Protein backbone atom coordinates (compact mmCIF):
# COMPACT_ATOMS: atom_id res chain seq x y z
CA GLU A 1 45.50 70.25 1.03
CA LYS A 2 46.50 68.68 4.18
CA VAL A 3 44.19 70.03 7.03
CA ASP A 4 44.02 69.79 10.78
CA LEU A 5 40.97 67.53 11.16
CA ALA A 6 40.31 68.84 14.74
CA GLU A 7 40.74 72.56 14.04
CA GLY A 8 38.59 72.39 11.00
CA ALA A 9 35.86 70.33 12.37
CA PHE A 10 36.08 67.67 9.60
CA ASP A 11 34.67 64.33 9.73
CA LEU A 12 37.22 62.51 7.81
CA ALA A 13 40.37 62.91 5.76
CA LEU A 14 41.97 60.68 3.09
CA ARG A 15 45.76 60.38 3.58
CA VAL A 16 48.22 58.71 1.60
CA THR A 17 51.12 57.54 3.99
CA ASN A 18 52.86 54.69 5.43
CA GLU A 19 53.39 56.54 8.55
CA PRO A 20 50.07 58.09 9.66
CA ALA A 21 49.99 60.80 12.45
CA PRO A 22 49.66 59.09 15.92
CA SER A 23 47.14 62.14 16.99
CA LEU A 24 44.59 60.21 14.33
CA ILE A 25 42.57 57.22 13.96
CA VAL A 26 43.31 55.64 10.79
CA ARG A 27 41.95 52.74 8.77
CA PRO A 28 43.87 51.33 5.96
CA ILE A 29 41.89 51.45 2.68
CA CYS A 30 44.12 50.46 -0.30
CA ALA A 31 47.59 50.54 -1.89
CA VAL A 32 48.33 53.47 -4.01
CA PRO A 33 51.34 52.90 -6.26
CA PHE A 34 53.68 55.75 -6.76
CA ARG A 35 56.67 56.46 -9.11
CA LEU A 36 59.40 59.13 -9.38
CA VAL A 37 58.87 60.33 -12.93
CA ALA A 38 60.42 63.08 -15.05
CA SER A 39 60.11 64.28 -18.52
CA PRO A 40 62.22 62.33 -21.38
CA GLY A 41 64.24 65.84 -21.78
CA PHE A 42 64.77 66.04 -18.05
CA VAL A 43 66.17 62.59 -17.58
CA ALA A 44 68.46 62.84 -20.73
CA ALA A 45 70.00 66.17 -19.57
CA ARG A 46 70.57 64.49 -16.10
CA GLU A 47 72.30 61.55 -17.84
CA ARG A 48 74.48 63.96 -19.88
CA ASP A 49 75.42 65.53 -16.62
CA GLY A 50 76.54 62.22 -15.03
CA GLY A 51 73.82 62.32 -12.51
CA ARG A 52 72.07 59.01 -11.36
CA ALA A 53 69.09 58.63 -9.12
CA SER A 54 71.01 57.03 -6.36
CA SER A 55 74.08 59.39 -6.23
CA ARG A 56 72.99 62.94 -6.45
CA ALA A 57 70.28 65.48 -5.61
CA VAL A 58 67.38 65.57 -8.18
CA ALA A 59 65.84 68.77 -9.14
CA ALA A 60 62.09 68.00 -7.95
CA ILE A 61 58.62 69.29 -7.56
CA VAL A 62 57.63 68.34 -4.01
CA PRO A 63 54.68 68.52 -1.69
CA SER A 64 54.96 71.58 0.60
CA TYR A 65 54.47 69.16 3.75
CA LEU A 66 57.29 67.08 2.71
CA PRO A 67 60.16 68.48 5.37
CA ALA A 68 63.22 70.15 4.03
CA GLY A 69 65.95 67.68 3.43
CA ALA A 70 63.29 64.46 3.46
CA ALA A 71 64.44 61.78 0.82
CA MET A 72 62.00 60.42 -1.66
CA PRO A 73 61.85 56.59 -2.01
CA THR A 74 62.77 55.15 -5.20
CA GLY A 75 61.41 51.57 -4.76
CA SER A 76 64.66 50.23 -5.55
CA ALA A 77 66.90 48.33 -2.97
CA ALA A 78 69.92 49.25 -4.88
CA SER A 79 69.34 53.09 -4.80
CA GLY A 80 67.25 53.34 -1.69
CA SER A 81 66.16 56.98 -1.93
CA VAL A 82 66.88 60.30 -3.77
CA ARG A 83 67.32 63.63 -2.02
CA PRO A 84 65.04 66.10 -3.80
CA GLU A 85 66.30 69.55 -4.62
CA ALA A 86 63.18 71.65 -4.60
CA VAL A 87 62.45 73.80 -7.60
CA VAL A 88 58.68 74.13 -6.93
CA ARG A 89 56.89 73.26 -3.60
CA THR A 90 53.02 72.82 -3.60
CA ASP A 91 50.19 70.63 -2.11
CA ASN A 92 48.66 70.33 -5.54
CA THR A 93 49.21 67.18 -7.23
CA HIS A 94 47.65 68.36 -10.69
CA LEU A 95 50.27 71.15 -10.69
CA MET A 96 53.21 68.93 -9.59
CA HIS A 97 51.71 66.74 -12.66
CA GLN A 98 51.90 69.81 -15.10
CA CYS A 99 55.42 71.02 -13.85
CA VAL A 100 56.93 67.60 -14.44
CA LEU A 101 55.32 67.39 -17.95
CA ALA A 102 56.86 70.96 -18.63
CA GLY A 103 60.32 69.33 -17.73
CA MET A 104 60.84 71.39 -14.43
CA GLY A 105 61.97 68.37 -12.49
CA ALA A 106 61.14 65.01 -11.10
CA ALA A 107 58.38 64.30 -9.04
CA PHE A 108 56.79 61.37 -6.86
CA LEU A 109 53.55 60.82 -8.38
CA PRO A 110 50.65 58.22 -8.10
CA LEU A 111 50.38 56.03 -11.23
CA TRP A 112 46.85 56.88 -11.42
CA LEU A 113 47.76 60.12 -12.56
CA VAL A 114 50.76 59.37 -14.83
CA ASP A 115 49.91 55.98 -16.49
CA GLU A 116 48.95 57.67 -19.59
CA ASP A 117 51.80 60.02 -19.84
CA LEU A 118 54.23 57.02 -19.24
CA ALA A 119 52.49 54.83 -21.93
CA ALA A 120 52.69 57.88 -24.44
CA GLY A 121 56.32 58.58 -23.55
CA ARG A 122 55.49 62.32 -22.14
CA LEU A 123 57.06 60.89 -18.98
CA VAL A 124 59.59 58.08 -17.99
CA PRO A 125 60.58 56.80 -14.74
CA VAL A 126 63.68 58.16 -13.11
CA PRO A 127 66.32 55.36 -13.95
CA GLY A 128 67.12 53.28 -11.07
CA THR A 129 63.73 53.59 -9.61
CA GLU A 130 60.50 51.24 -9.09
CA PRO A 131 56.93 51.93 -8.23
CA VAL A 132 56.44 52.21 -4.45
CA ALA A 133 53.11 51.19 -2.88
CA ILE A 134 51.81 53.89 -0.35
CA THR A 135 48.62 53.16 1.86
CA LEU A 136 45.60 55.17 1.62
CA HIS A 137 43.95 55.73 4.98
CA GLY A 138 40.69 57.01 6.40
CA ALA A 139 41.75 59.31 9.16
CA TYR A 140 39.37 60.77 11.83
CA THR A 141 40.06 62.16 15.32
CA SER A 142 37.50 60.10 17.37
CA ARG A 143 35.77 56.92 17.30
CA MET A 144 32.90 58.19 19.77
CA TYR A 145 31.84 61.11 17.35
CA LEU A 146 32.23 59.18 14.07
CA THR A 147 28.89 59.29 12.25
CA PRO A 148 27.18 56.42 10.89
CA LYS A 149 27.56 58.12 7.28
CA VAL A 150 31.34 58.36 7.57
CA ARG A 151 31.46 54.63 8.94
CA SER A 152 29.65 53.73 6.02
CA PHE A 153 31.74 55.87 3.67
CA ILE A 154 34.98 54.12 4.74
CA ASP A 155 33.42 50.85 4.75
CA PHE A 156 32.31 51.42 0.95
CA LEU A 157 35.82 52.74 0.04
CA ALA A 158 37.37 49.72 1.79
CA ALA A 159 35.26 47.31 0.03
CA SER A 160 35.46 48.93 -3.45
CA LEU A 161 39.09 49.30 -3.51
CA ASP A 162 42.02 46.92 -3.35
CA PRO A 163 43.05 45.53 0.25
CA PRO A 164 45.59 47.42 1.93
CA PRO A 165 49.43 46.34 1.37
CA ALA A 166 51.96 44.93 3.56
CA PRO A 167 53.64 47.97 5.15
CA VAL A 168 56.60 49.25 2.70
CA SER A 169 59.46 50.86 4.19
CA THR A 170 59.83 54.44 2.58
CA ARG A 171 62.93 55.45 5.00
CA ALA A 172 66.29 56.38 3.43
CA SER A 173 68.74 53.91 3.90
């Protein structure tokens, strides 16, 4: 869940975003590839209806923190982004995953979560889309009160995971 670090007195949050909040201090840790995926039945029904990722809204399972009307990136320069029509809004990534497996809609999910489903054919990429790299950041509110254990943890993550990617534009074209 996305929390207010200052209000909740949290030392650190891990945030996956290419646009971190300006009120936070962030350290890029690594790239997290995401993909717009759906069940094969959902994609087949969409294609029968003549829908394309670049031309119509997509029934989607979306994070509740995504602003209404916000586009989801496709990773493809040709299609730019898609407009999600929320059928479910949640902050639980695993619930989003289960909803997509059940054929309720498409979702923008991390590849680490859906790789096995893609390989097994339980999920497929939404046509016209490519993976999109989004940066995992360590976020905190103040350098002055950053404890050595939190700094060590951030350093450990940064050293253990891939280097951060070059910024990727996720804005709608």
